[in-house]
């Protein structure tokens, strides 16, 4: 009986840690690493171009677009001007994608849907 209780407790403890980790991943995925306000990604769903607003200007930012499985489909180095960037996505198939923008000034991840 004691072994059963200990095993159940261990399972619930592990599930609690997993759910906390999952919650943290979802709540931070749209914020910069310094917990600044959310960036805006539009239009969502996108057809030809995705616009990202609320970024910090950067002379060299690596922009990566990954599919829902984490496979990197596009990767470019662009300059961010006027706190925004426009990313062409017309060659992507319909689906859910993640944009990662990494520079010395910031690290941002956001999701969008390609129609």
PDB file of N, CA and C in Angstrom:
ATOM      1  N   UNK A   1       0.828  -1.197   0.000  1.00  0.00           N
ATOM      2  CA  UNK A   1       0.000   0.000   0.000  1.00  0.00           C
ATOM      3  C   UNK A   1       0.871   1.260   0.000  1.00  0.00           C
ATOM      4  N   UNK A   2       1.927   1.243   0.833  1.00  0.00           N
ATOM      5  CA  UNK A   2       2.802   2.409   0.886  1.00  0.00           C
ATOM      6  C   UNK A   2       3.512   2.627  -0.449  1.00  0.00           C
ATOM      7  N   UNK A   3       3.929   1.528  -1.091  1.00  0.00           N
ATOM      8  CA  UNK A   3       4.593   1.650  -2.388  1.00  0.00           C
ATOM      9  C   UNK A   3       3.660   2.276  -3.421  1.00  0.00           C
ATOM     10  N   UNK A   4       2.391   1.893  -3.377  1.00  0.00           N
ATOM     11  CA  UNK A   4       1.415   2.438  -4.324  1.00  0.00           C
ATOM     12  C   UNK A   4       1.253   3.933  -4.122  1.00  0.00           C
ATOM     13  N   UNK A   5       1.182   4.358  -2.903  1.00  0.00           N
ATOM     14  CA  UNK A   5       1.019   5.786  -2.598  1.00  0.00           C
ATOM     15  C   UNK A   5       2.253   6.563  -3.033  1.00  0.00           C
ATOM     16  N   UNK A   6       3.426   6.016  -2.773  1.00  0.00           N
ATOM     17  CA  UNK A   6       4.672   6.692  -3.164  1.00  0.00           C
ATOM     18  C   UNK A   6       4.762   6.799  -4.683  1.00  0.00           C
ATOM     19  N   UNK A   7       4.410   5.737  -5.377  1.00  0.00           N
ATOM     20  CA  UNK A   7       4.448   5.759  -6.837  1.00  0.00           C
ATOM     21  C   UNK A   7       3.459   6.780  -7.391  1.00  0.00           C
ATOM     22  N   UNK A   8       2.245   6.818  -6.862  1.00  0.00           N
ATOM     23  CA  UNK A   8       1.257   7.798  -7.303  1.00  0.00           C
ATOM     24  C   UNK A   8       1.733   9.223  -7.037  1.00  0.00           C
ATOM     25  N   UNK A   9       2.320   9.434  -5.865  1.00  0.00           N
ATOM     26  CA  UNK A   9       2.836  10.764  -5.531  1.00  0.00           C
ATOM     27  C   UNK A   9       3.919  11.183  -6.518  1.00  0.00           C
ATOM     28  N   UNK A  10       4.829  10.261  -6.837  1.00  0.00           N
ATOM     29  CA  UNK A  10       5.906  10.561  -7.783  1.00  0.00           C
ATOM     30  C   UNK A  10       5.350  10.894  -9.162  1.00  0.00           C
ATOM     31  N   UNK A  11       4.335  10.166  -9.599  1.00  0.00           N
ATOM     32  CA  UNK A  11       3.729  10.436 -10.910  1.00  0.00           C
ATOM     33  C   UNK A  11       3.078  11.814 -10.930  1.00  0.00           C
ATOM     34  N   UNK A  12       2.307  12.134  -9.891  1.00  0.00           N
ATOM     35  CA  UNK A  12       1.667  13.447  -9.835  1.00  0.00           C
ATOM     36  C   UNK A  12       2.693  14.571  -9.760  1.00  0.00           C
ATOM     37  N   UNK A  13       3.785  14.342  -9.027  1.00  0.00           N
ATOM     38  CA  UNK A  13       4.835  15.343  -8.923  1.00  0.00           C
ATOM     39  C   UNK A  13       5.454  15.604 -10.290  1.00  0.00           C
ATOM     40  N   UNK A  14       5.765  14.534 -11.033  1.00  0.00           N
ATOM     41  CA  UNK A  14       6.335  14.675 -12.370  1.00  0.00           C
ATOM     42  C   UNK A  14       5.375  15.394 -13.314  1.00  0.00           C
ATOM     43  N   UNK A  15       4.097  15.052 -13.257  1.00  0.00           N
ATOM     44  CA  UNK A  15       3.107  15.708 -14.114  1.00  0.00           C
ATOM     45  C   UNK A  15       2.996  17.189 -13.778  1.00  0.00           C
ATOM     46  N   UNK A  16       3.089  17.524 -12.507  1.00  0.00           N
ATOM     47  CA  UNK A  16       3.034  18.928 -12.097  1.00  0.00           C
ATOM     48  C   UNK A  16       4.206  19.718 -12.634  1.00  0.00           C
ATOM     49  N   UNK A  17       5.420  19.127 -12.583  1.00  0.00           N
ATOM     50  CA  UNK A  17       6.593  19.797 -13.128  1.00  0.00           C
ATOM     51  C   UNK A  17       6.476  19.969 -14.627  1.00  0.00           C
ATOM     52  N   UNK A  18       5.970  18.933 -15.317  1.00  0.00           N
ATOM     53  CA  UNK A  18       5.813  19.007 -16.762  1.00  0.00           C
ATOM     54  C   UNK A  18       4.817  20.099 -17.138  1.00  0.00           C
ATOM     55  N   UNK A  19       3.706  20.185 -16.426  1.00  0.00           N
ATOM     56  CA  UNK A  19       2.709  21.199 -16.763  1.00  0.00           C
ATOM     57  C   UNK A  19       3.245  22.596 -16.495  1.00  0.00           C
ATOM     58  N   UNK A  20       4.079  22.751 -15.442  1.00  0.00           N
ATOM     59  CA  UNK A  20       4.684  24.055 -15.179  1.00  0.00           C
ATOM     60  C   UNK A  20       5.625  24.429 -16.308  1.00  0.00           C
ATOM     61  N   UNK A  21       6.445  23.488 -16.750  1.00  0.00           N
ATOM     62  CA  UNK A  21       7.361  23.744 -17.845  1.00  0.00           C
ATOM     63  C   UNK A  21       6.598  24.088 -19.108  1.00  0.00           C
ATOM     64  N   UNK A  22       5.549  23.345 -19.414  1.00  0.00           N
ATOM     65  CA  UNK A  22       4.731  23.591 -20.600  1.00  0.00           C
ATOM     66  C   UNK A  22       4.097  24.974 -20.528  1.00  0.00           C
ATOM     67  N   UNK A  23       3.605  25.368 -19.362  1.00  0.00           N
ATOM     68  CA  UNK A  23       3.003  26.691 -19.193  1.00  0.00           C
ATOM     69  C   UNK A  23       4.040  27.772 -19.415  1.00  0.00           C
ATOM     70  N   UNK A  24       5.235  27.598 -18.861  1.00  0.00           N
ATOM     71  CA  UNK A  24       6.287  28.592 -19.036  1.00  0.00           C
ATOM     72  C   UNK A  24       6.680  28.724 -20.494  1.00  0.00           C
ATOM     73  N   UNK A  25       6.751  27.620 -21.215  1.00  0.00           N
ATOM     74  CA  UNK A  25       7.097  27.684 -22.627  1.00  0.00           C
ATOM     75  C   UNK A  25       6.049  28.457 -23.413  1.00  0.00           C
ATOM     76  N   UNK A  26       4.781  28.240 -23.108  1.00  0.00           N
ATOM     77  CA  UNK A  26       3.727  28.918 -23.851  1.00  0.00           C
ATOM     78  C   UNK A  26       3.636  30.392 -23.493  1.00  0.00           C
ATOM     79  N   UNK A  27       3.877  30.758 -22.258  1.00  0.00           N
ATOM     80  CA  UNK A  27       3.724  32.156 -21.876  1.00  0.00           C
ATOM     81  C   UNK A  27       4.906  32.997 -22.308  1.00  0.00           C
ATOM     82  N   UNK A  28       6.082  32.403 -22.535  1.00  0.00           N
ATOM     83  CA  UNK A  28       7.230  33.197 -22.921  1.00  0.00           C
ATOM     84  C   UNK A  28       7.495  33.174 -24.416  1.00  0.00           C
ATOM     85  N   UNK A  29       6.779  32.390 -25.181  1.00  0.00           N
ATOM     86  CA  UNK A  29       7.099  32.240 -26.587  1.00  0.00           C
ATOM     87  C   UNK A  29       6.838  33.499 -27.406  1.00  0.00           C
ATOM     88  N   UNK A  30       6.039  34.427 -26.926  1.00  0.00           N
ATOM     89  CA  UNK A  30       5.747  35.629 -27.673  1.00  0.00           C
ATOM     90  C   UNK A  30       6.422  36.857 -27.093  1.00  0.00           C
ATOM     91  N   UNK A  31       7.302  36.696 -26.128  1.00  0.00           N
ATOM     92  CA  UNK A  31       7.951  37.829 -25.488  1.00  0.00           C
ATOM     93  C   UNK A  31       9.439  37.813 -25.780  1.00  0.00           C
ATOM     94  N   UNK A  32      10.054  38.998 -25.689  1.00  0.00           N
ATOM     95  CA  UNK A  32      11.501  39.047 -25.788  1.00  0.00           C
ATOM     96  C   UNK A  32      12.059  38.443 -24.509  1.00  0.00           C
ATOM     97  N   UNK A  33      13.349  38.155 -24.495  1.00  0.00           N
ATOM     98  CA  UNK A  33      13.931  37.503 -23.329  1.00  0.00           C
ATOM     99  C   UNK A  33      13.919  38.403 -22.105  1.00  0.00           C
ATOM    100  N   UNK A  34      13.814  39.707 -22.268  1.00  0.00           N
ATOM    101  CA  UNK A  34      13.782  40.597 -21.117  1.00  0.00           C
ATOM    102  C   UNK A  34      12.346  40.893 -20.674  1.00  0.00           C
ATOM    103  N   UNK A  35      11.379  40.103 -21.145  1.00  0.00           N
ATOM    104  CA  UNK A  35       9.974  40.227 -20.756  1.00  0.00           C
ATOM    105  C   UNK A  35       9.381  41.593 -21.109  1.00  0.00           C
ATOM    106  N   UNK A  36       9.752  42.104 -22.269  1.00  0.00           N
ATOM    107  CA  UNK A  36       9.169  43.347 -22.745  1.00  0.00           C
ATOM    108  C   UNK A  36       7.820  43.040 -23.382  1.00  0.00           C
ATOM    109  N   UNK A  37       7.068  44.075 -23.763  1.00  0.00           N
ATOM    110  CA  UNK A  37       5.747  43.841 -24.358  1.00  0.00           C
ATOM    111  C   UNK A  37       5.819  42.951 -25.596  1.00  0.00           C
ATOM    112  N   UNK A  38       4.683  42.353 -25.899  1.00  0.00           N
ATOM    113  CA  UNK A  38       4.585  41.445 -27.030  1.00  0.00           C
ATOM    114  C   UNK A  38       4.859  42.171 -28.341  1.00  0.00           C
ATOM    115  N   UNK A  39       5.438  41.422 -29.258  1.00  0.00           N
ATOM    116  CA  UNK A  39       5.555  41.929 -30.617  1.00  0.00           C
ATOM    117  C   UNK A  39       4.255  41.595 -31.334  1.00  0.00           C
ATOM    118  N   UNK A  40       3.970  42.329 -32.388  1.00  0.00           N
ATOM    119  CA  UNK A  40       2.752  42.086 -33.163  1.00  0.00           C
ATOM    120  C   UNK A  40       3.133  41.447 -34.488  1.00  0.00           C
ATOM    121  N   UNK A  41       2.478  40.344 -34.788  1.00  0.00           N
ATOM    122  CA  UNK A  41       2.694  39.624 -36.042  1.00  0.00           C
ATOM    123  C   UNK A  41       1.387  39.657 -36.814  1.00  0.00           C
ATOM    124  N   UNK A  42       1.429  40.199 -38.027  1.00  0.00           N
ATOM    125  CA  UNK A  42       0.218  40.293 -38.836  1.00  0.00           C
ATOM    126  C   UNK A  42       0.589  40.304 -40.307  1.00  0.00           C
ATOM    127  N   UNK A  43      -0.292  40.012 -41.220  1.00  0.00           N
ATOM    128  CA  UNK A  43      -1.616  39.445 -40.985  1.00  0.00           C
ATOM    129  C   UNK A  43      -1.473  38.006 -40.513  1.00  0.00           C
ATOM    130  N   UNK A  44      -2.438  37.565 -39.800  1.00  0.00           N
ATOM    131  CA  UNK A  44      -2.412  36.204 -39.282  1.00  0.00           C
ATOM    132  C   UNK A  44      -3.804  35.622 -39.422  1.00  0.00           C
ATOM    133  N   UNK A  45      -4.101  34.838 -40.414  1.00  0.00           N
ATOM    134  CA  UNK A  45      -3.185  34.106 -41.276  1.00  0.00           C
ATOM    135  C   UNK A  45      -2.580  34.977 -42.375  1.00  0.00           C
ATOM    136  N   UNK A  46      -1.380  34.611 -42.778  1.00  0.00           N
ATOM    137  CA  UNK A  46      -0.638  35.351 -43.802  1.00  0.00           C
ATOM    138  C   UNK A  46      -0.768  34.643 -45.143  1.00  0.00           C
ATOM    139  N   UNK A  47      -0.556  35.410 -46.218  1.00  0.00           N
ATOM    140  CA  UNK A  47      -0.549  34.815 -47.548  1.00  0.00           C
ATOM    141  C   UNK A  47       0.799  35.038 -48.236  1.00  0.00           C
ATOM    142  N   UNK A  48       1.244  36.287 -48.318  1.00  0.00           N
ATOM    143  CA  UNK A  48       2.490  36.607 -49.020  1.00  0.00           C
ATOM    144  C   UNK A  48       3.588  37.153 -48.114  1.00  0.00           C
ATOM    145  N   UNK A  49       3.205  37.972 -47.138  1.00  0.00           N
ATOM    146  CA  UNK A  49       4.178  38.651 -46.279  1.00  0.00           C
ATOM    147  C   UNK A  49       3.700  38.604 -44.837  1.00  0.00           C
ATOM    148  N   UNK A  50       4.650  38.446 -43.903  1.00  0.00           N
ATOM    149  CA  UNK A  50       4.362  38.557 -42.476  1.00  0.00           C
ATOM    150  C   UNK A  50       5.093  39.791 -41.972  1.00  0.00           C
ATOM    151  N   UNK A  51       4.363  40.667 -41.296  1.00  0.00           N
ATOM    152  CA  UNK A  51       4.936  41.863 -40.710  1.00  0.00           C
ATOM    153  C   UNK A  51       5.114  41.646 -39.218  1.00  0.00           C
ATOM    154  N   UNK A  52       6.272  42.035 -38.689  1.00  0.00           N
ATOM    155  CA  UNK A  52       6.535  41.923 -37.257  1.00  0.00           C
ATOM    156  C   UNK A  52       6.854  43.317 -36.752  1.00  0.00           C
ATOM    157  N   UNK A  53       6.038  43.813 -35.810  1.00  0.00           N
ATOM    158  CA  UNK A  53       6.212  45.139 -35.223  1.00  0.00           C
ATOM    159  C   UNK A  53       6.621  45.020 -33.765  1.00  0.00           C
ATOM    160  N   UNK A  54       7.248  46.071 -33.250  1.00  0.00           N
ATOM    161  CA  UNK A  54       7.624  46.111 -31.846  1.00  0.00           C
ATOM    162  C   UNK A  54       9.016  45.570 -31.583  1.00  0.00           C
ATOM    163  N   UNK A  55       9.827  45.480 -32.607  1.00  0.00           N
ATOM    164  CA  UNK A  55      11.193  44.978 -32.464  1.00  0.00           C
ATOM    165  C   UNK A  55      12.154  46.118 -32.152  1.00  0.00           C
ATOM    166  N   UNK A  56      13.317  45.769 -31.654  1.00  0.00           N
ATOM    167  CA  UNK A  56      14.380  46.754 -31.470  1.00  0.00           C
ATOM    168  C   UNK A  56      15.190  46.809 -32.758  1.00  0.00           C
ATOM    169  N   UNK A  57      15.565  48.011 -33.159  1.00  0.00           N
ATOM    170  CA  UNK A  57      16.377  48.166 -34.363  1.00  0.00           C
ATOM    171  C   UNK A  57      17.708  47.451 -34.172  1.00  0.00           C
ATOM    172  N   UNK A  58      18.173  46.814 -35.250  1.00  0.00           N
ATOM    173  CA  UNK A  58      19.404  46.047 -35.183  1.00  0.00           C
ATOM    174  C   UNK A  58      20.060  46.014 -36.553  1.00  0.00           C
ATOM    175  N   UNK A  59      21.369  46.224 -36.624  1.00  0.00           N
ATOM    176  CA  UNK A  59      22.039  46.146 -37.928  1.00  0.00           C
ATOM    177  C   UNK A  59      22.151  44.714 -38.448  1.00  0.00           C
ATOM    178  N   UNK A  60      22.190  43.749 -37.540  1.00  0.00           N
ATOM    179  CA  UNK A  60      22.314  42.347 -37.947  1.00  0.00           C
ATOM    180  C   UNK A  60      21.410  41.496 -37.070  1.00  0.00           C
ATOM    181  N   UNK A  61      20.316  41.041 -37.632  1.00  0.00           N
ATOM    182  CA  UNK A  61      19.398  40.148 -36.926  1.00  0.00           C
ATOM    183  C   UNK A  61      19.218  38.891 -37.766  1.00  0.00           C
ATOM    184  N   UNK A  62      19.303  37.748 -37.134  1.00  0.00           N
ATOM    185  CA  UNK A  62      19.098  36.487 -37.832  1.00  0.00           C
ATOM    186  C   UNK A  62      17.628  36.118 -37.670  1.00  0.00           C
ATOM    187  N   UNK A  63      16.942  36.001 -38.797  1.00  0.00           N
ATOM    188  CA  UNK A  63      15.521  35.653 -38.796  1.00  0.00           C
ATOM    189  C   UNK A  63      15.409  34.218 -39.305  1.00  0.00           C
ATOM    190  N   UNK A  64      14.768  33.373 -38.491  1.00  0.00           N
ATOM    191  CA  UNK A  64      14.601  31.970 -38.831  1.00  0.00           C
ATOM    192  C   UNK A  64      13.122  31.632 -38.809  1.00  0.00           C
ATOM    193  N   UNK A  65      12.652  30.942 -39.828  1.00  0.00           N
ATOM    194  CA  UNK A  65      11.276  30.449 -39.856  1.00  0.00           C
ATOM    195  C   UNK A  65      11.329  28.933 -39.817  1.00  0.00           C
ATOM    196  N   UNK A  66      10.627  28.372 -38.825  1.00  0.00           N
ATOM    197  CA  UNK A  66      10.584  26.921 -38.635  1.00  0.00           C
ATOM    198  C   UNK A  66       9.153  26.438 -38.734  1.00  0.00           C
ATOM    199  N   UNK A  67       8.986  25.180 -39.141  1.00  0.00           N
ATOM    200  CA  UNK A  67       7.650  24.602 -39.190  1.00  0.00           C
ATOM    201  C   UNK A  67       7.242  24.108 -37.801  1.00  0.00           C
ATOM    202  N   UNK A  68       6.072  23.506 -37.710  1.00  0.00           N
ATOM    203  CA  UNK A  68       5.545  23.062 -36.416  1.00  0.00           C
ATOM    204  C   UNK A  68       6.400  21.963 -35.792  1.00  0.00           C
ATOM    205  N   UNK A  69       7.220  21.294 -36.570  1.00  0.00           N
ATOM    206  CA  UNK A  69       8.077  20.226 -36.064  1.00  0.00           C
ATOM    207  C   UNK A  69       9.465  20.728 -35.672  1.00  0.00           C
ATOM    208  N   UNK A  70       9.733  22.017 -35.892  1.00  0.00           N
ATOM    209  CA  UNK A  70      11.029  22.583 -35.541  1.00  0.00           C
ATOM    210  C   UNK A  70      12.036  22.559 -36.667  1.00  0.00           C
ATOM    211  N   UNK A  71      11.628  22.116 -37.849  1.00  0.00           N
ATOM    212  CA  UNK A  71      12.531  22.101 -39.003  1.00  0.00           C
ATOM    213  C   UNK A  71      12.719  23.518 -39.523  1.00  0.00           C
ATOM    214  N   UNK A  72      13.958  23.959 -39.689  1.00  0.00           N
ATOM    215  CA  UNK A  72      14.248  25.295 -40.191  1.00  0.00           C
ATOM    216  C   UNK A  72      14.013  25.311 -41.694  1.00  0.00           C
ATOM    217  N   UNK A  73      13.113  26.204 -42.130  1.00  0.00           N
ATOM    218  CA  UNK A  73      12.773  26.305 -43.551  1.00  0.00           C
ATOM    219  C   UNK A  73      13.432  27.503 -44.223  1.00  0.00           C
ATOM    220  N   UNK A  74      13.537  28.607 -43.504  1.00  0.00           N
ATOM    221  CA  UNK A  74      14.163  29.819 -44.019  1.00  0.00           C
ATOM    222  C   UNK A  74      15.063  30.402 -42.943  1.00  0.00           C
ATOM    223  N   UNK A  75      16.201  30.946 -43.354  1.00  0.00           N
ATOM    224  CA  UNK A  75      17.061  31.645 -42.414  1.00  0.00           C
ATOM    225  C   UNK A  75      17.822  32.723 -43.172  1.00  0.00           C
ATOM    226  N   UNK A  76      17.667  33.966 -42.701  1.00  0.00           N
ATOM    227  CA  UNK A  76      18.314  35.105 -43.344  1.00  0.00           C
ATOM    228  C   UNK A  76      18.831  36.053 -42.281  1.00  0.00           C
ATOM    229  N   UNK A  77      19.804  36.864 -42.666  1.00  0.00           N
ATOM    230  CA  UNK A  77      20.282  37.920 -41.789  1.00  0.00           C
ATOM    231  C   UNK A  77      19.824  39.242 -42.397  1.00  0.00           C
ATOM    232  N   UNK A  78      19.011  39.991 -41.634  1.00  0.00           N
ATOM    233  CA  UNK A  78      18.464  41.247 -42.096  1.00  0.00           C
ATOM    234  C   UNK A  78      18.716  42.344 -41.087  1.00  0.00           C
ATOM    235  N   UNK A  79      18.601  43.555 -41.573  1.00  0.00           N
ATOM    236  CA  UNK A  79      18.658  44.723 -40.692  1.00  0.00           C
ATOM    237  C   UNK A  79      17.231  45.096 -40.299  1.00  0.00           C
ATOM    238  N   UNK A  80      17.032  45.352 -39.023  1.00  0.00           N
ATOM    239  CA  UNK A  80      15.711  45.767 -38.545  1.00  0.00           C
ATOM    240  C   UNK A  80      15.728  47.287 -38.436  1.00  0.00           C
ATOM    241  N   UNK A  81      14.828  47.931 -39.186  1.00  0.00           N
ATOM    242  CA  UNK A  81      14.699  49.394 -39.187  1.00  0.00           C
ATOM    243  C   UNK A  81      13.287  49.757 -38.781  1.00  0.00           C
ATOM    244  N   UNK A  82      13.116  50.905 -38.171  1.00  0.00           N
ATOM    245  CA  UNK A  82      11.808  51.417 -37.773  1.00  0.00           C
ATOM    246  C   UNK A  82      11.028  50.428 -36.900  1.00  0.00           C
ATOM    247  N   UNK A  83      11.748  49.645 -36.121  1.00  0.00           N
ATOM    248  CA  UNK A  83      11.156  48.708 -35.160  1.00  0.00           C
ATOM    249  C   UNK A  83      10.233  47.684 -35.820  1.00  0.00           C
ATOM    250  N   UNK A  84      10.494  47.364 -37.084  1.00  0.00           N
ATOM    251  CA  UNK A  84       9.620  46.427 -37.805  1.00  0.00           C
ATOM    252  C   UNK A  84      10.413  45.689 -38.869  1.00  0.00           C
ATOM    253  N   UNK A  85       9.847  44.575 -39.296  1.00  0.00           N
ATOM    254  CA  UNK A  85      10.436  43.819 -40.396  1.00  0.00           C
ATOM    255  C   UNK A  85       9.311  43.152 -41.177  1.00  0.00           C
ATOM    256  N   UNK A  86       9.492  43.042 -42.482  1.00  0.00           N
ATOM    257  CA  UNK A  86       8.531  42.386 -43.368  1.00  0.00           C
ATOM    258  C   UNK A  86       9.214  41.151 -43.941  1.00  0.00           C
ATOM    259  N   UNK A  87       8.604  39.997 -43.730  1.00  0.00           N
ATOM    260  CA  UNK A  87       9.211  38.736 -44.140  1.00  0.00           C
ATOM    261  C   UNK A  87       8.355  38.095 -45.231  1.00  0.00           C
ATOM    262  N   UNK A  88       8.918  37.862 -46.423  1.00  0.00           N
ATOM    263  CA  UNK A  88       8.147  37.203 -47.479  1.00  0.00           C
ATOM    264  C   UNK A  88       7.950  35.718 -47.156  1.00  0.00           C
ATOM    265  N   UNK A  89       6.702  35.256 -47.263  1.00  0.00           N
ATOM    266  CA  UNK A  89       6.381  33.859 -46.942  1.00  0.00           C
ATOM    267  C   UNK A  89       5.541  33.192 -48.031  1.00  0.00           C
ATOM    268  N   UNK A  90       5.513  33.770 -49.217  1.00  0.00           N
ATOM    269  CA  UNK A  90       4.658  33.229 -50.272  1.00  0.00           C
ATOM    270  C   UNK A  90       5.076  31.827 -50.700  1.00  0.00           C
ATOM    271  N   UNK A  91       6.345  31.474 -50.518  1.00  0.00           N
ATOM    272  CA  UNK A  91       6.808  30.146 -50.940  1.00  0.00           C
ATOM    273  C   UNK A  91       6.571  29.064 -49.889  1.00  0.00           C
ATOM    274  N   UNK A  92       6.000  29.406 -48.723  1.00  0.00           N
ATOM    275  CA  UNK A  92       5.709  28.412 -47.687  1.00  0.00           C
ATOM    276  C   UNK A  92       4.360  27.749 -47.952  1.00  0.00           C
ATOM    277  N   UNK A  93       4.263  26.487 -47.589  1.00  0.00           N
ATOM    278  CA  UNK A  93       2.988  25.772 -47.674  1.00  0.00           C
ATOM    279  C   UNK A  93       2.078  26.214 -46.534  1.00  0.00           C
ATOM    280  N   UNK A  94       0.769  26.046 -46.675  1.00  0.00           N
ATOM    281  CA  UNK A  94      -0.135  26.382 -45.565  1.00  0.00           C
ATOM    282  C   UNK A  94       0.228  25.589 -44.308  1.00  0.00           C
ATOM    283  N   UNK A  95       0.176  26.272 -43.167  1.00  0.00           N
ATOM    284  CA  UNK A  95       0.492  25.602 -41.907  1.00  0.00           C
ATOM    285  C   UNK A  95       0.880  26.595 -40.835  1.00  0.00           C
ATOM    286  N   UNK A  96       1.313  26.070 -39.692  1.00  0.00           N
ATOM    287  CA  UNK A  96       1.729  26.885 -38.554  1.00  0.00           C
ATOM    288  C   UNK A  96       3.247  26.965 -38.546  1.00  0.00           C
ATOM    289  N   UNK A  97       3.765  28.177 -38.352  1.00  0.00           N
ATOM    290  CA  UNK A  97       5.203  28.418 -38.383  1.00  0.00           C
ATOM    291  C   UNK A  97       5.622  29.262 -37.184  1.00  0.00           C
ATOM    292  N   UNK A  98       6.913  29.153 -36.846  1.00  0.00           N
ATOM    293  CA  UNK A  98       7.498  29.964 -35.781  1.00  0.00           C
ATOM    294  C   UNK A  98       8.568  30.846 -36.387  1.00  0.00           C
ATOM    295  N   UNK A  99       8.530  32.129 -36.022  1.00  0.00           N
ATOM    296  CA  UNK A  99       9.560  33.078 -36.424  1.00  0.00           C
ATOM    297  C   UNK A  99      10.458  33.293 -35.219  1.00  0.00           C
ATOM    298  N   UNK A 100      11.756  33.155 -35.403  1.00  0.00           N
ATOM    299  CA  UNK A 100      12.727  33.468 -34.357  1.00  0.00           C
ATOM    300  C   UNK A 100      13.589  34.607 -34.872  1.00  0.00           C
ATOM    301  N   UNK A 101      13.677  35.687 -34.090  1.00  0.00           N
ATOM    302  CA  UNK A 101      14.485  36.845 -34.447  1.00  0.00           C
ATOM    303  C   UNK A 101      15.524  37.000 -33.349  1.00  0.00           C
ATOM    304  N   UNK A 102      16.785  36.814 -33.719  1.00  0.00           N
ATOM    305  CA  UNK A 102      17.858  36.835 -32.736  1.00  0.00           C
ATOM    306  C   UNK A 102      18.907  37.859 -33.161  1.00  0.00           C
ATOM    307  N   UNK A 103      19.203  38.775 -32.243  1.00  0.00           N
ATOM    308  CA  UNK A 103      20.236  39.780 -32.462  1.00  0.00           C
ATOM    309  C   UNK A 103      20.879  40.094 -31.122  1.00  0.00           C
ATOM    310  N   UNK A 104      21.855  40.998 -31.127  1.00  0.00           N
ATOM    311  CA  UNK A 104      22.466  41.409 -29.866  1.00  0.00           C
ATOM    312  C   UNK A 104      21.462  42.142 -28.982  1.00  0.00           C
ATOM    313  N   UNK A 105      20.475  42.777 -29.585  1.00  0.00           N
ATOM    314  CA  UNK A 105      19.506  43.576 -28.841  1.00  0.00           C
ATOM    315  C   UNK A 105      18.337  42.769 -28.281  1.00  0.00           C
ATOM    316  N   UNK A 106      18.041  41.623 -28.871  1.00  0.00           N
ATOM    317  CA  UNK A 106      16.817  40.914 -28.476  1.00  0.00           C
ATOM    318  C   UNK A 106      16.808  39.482 -28.975  1.00  0.00           C
ATOM    319  N   UNK A 107      15.907  38.708 -28.385  1.00  0.00           N
ATOM    320  CA  UNK A 107      15.585  37.367 -28.863  1.00  0.00           C
ATOM    321  C   UNK A 107      14.072  37.241 -28.783  1.00  0.00           C
ATOM    322  N   UNK A 108      13.438  37.095 -29.947  1.00  0.00           N
ATOM    323  CA  UNK A 108      11.982  37.072 -30.018  1.00  0.00           C
ATOM    324  C   UNK A 108      11.543  35.821 -30.763  1.00  0.00           C
ATOM    325  N   UNK A 109      10.470  35.214 -30.281  1.00  0.00           N
ATOM    326  CA  UNK A 109       9.834  34.098 -30.985  1.00  0.00           C
ATOM    327  C   UNK A 109       8.343  34.410 -31.064  1.00  0.00           C
ATOM    328  N   UNK A 110       7.773  34.139 -32.232  1.00  0.00           N
ATOM    329  CA  UNK A 110       6.345  34.355 -32.431  1.00  0.00           C
ATOM    330  C   UNK A 110       5.847  33.312 -33.434  1.00  0.00           C
ATOM    331  N   UNK A 111       4.566  33.037 -33.362  1.00  0.00           N
ATOM    332  CA  UNK A 111       3.957  32.065 -34.276  1.00  0.00           C
ATOM    333  C   UNK A 111       3.001  32.768 -35.222  1.00  0.00           C
ATOM    334  N   UNK A 112       2.855  32.173 -36.412  1.00  0.00           N
ATOM    335  CA  UNK A 112       1.865  32.670 -37.360  1.00  0.00           C
ATOM    336  C   UNK A 112       1.359  31.503 -38.186  1.00  0.00           C
ATOM    337  N   UNK A 113       0.231  31.723 -38.811  1.00  0.00           N
ATOM    338  CA  UNK A 113      -0.384  30.718 -39.673  1.00  0.00           C
ATOM    339  C   UNK A 113      -0.294  31.182 -41.102  1.00  0.00           C
ATOM    340  N   UNK A 114       0.201  30.325 -41.990  1.00  0.00           N
ATOM    341  CA  UNK A 114       0.265  30.628 -43.423  1.00  0.00           C
ATOM    342  C   UNK A 114      -0.927  29.984 -44.095  1.00  0.00           C
ATOM    343  N   UNK A 115      -1.692  30.766 -44.803  1.00  0.00           N
ATOM    344  CA  UNK A 115      -2.928  30.313 -45.454  1.00  0.00           C
ATOM    345  C   UNK A 115      -2.650  29.727 -46.816  1.00  0.00           C
TER     346      UNK A 115
END
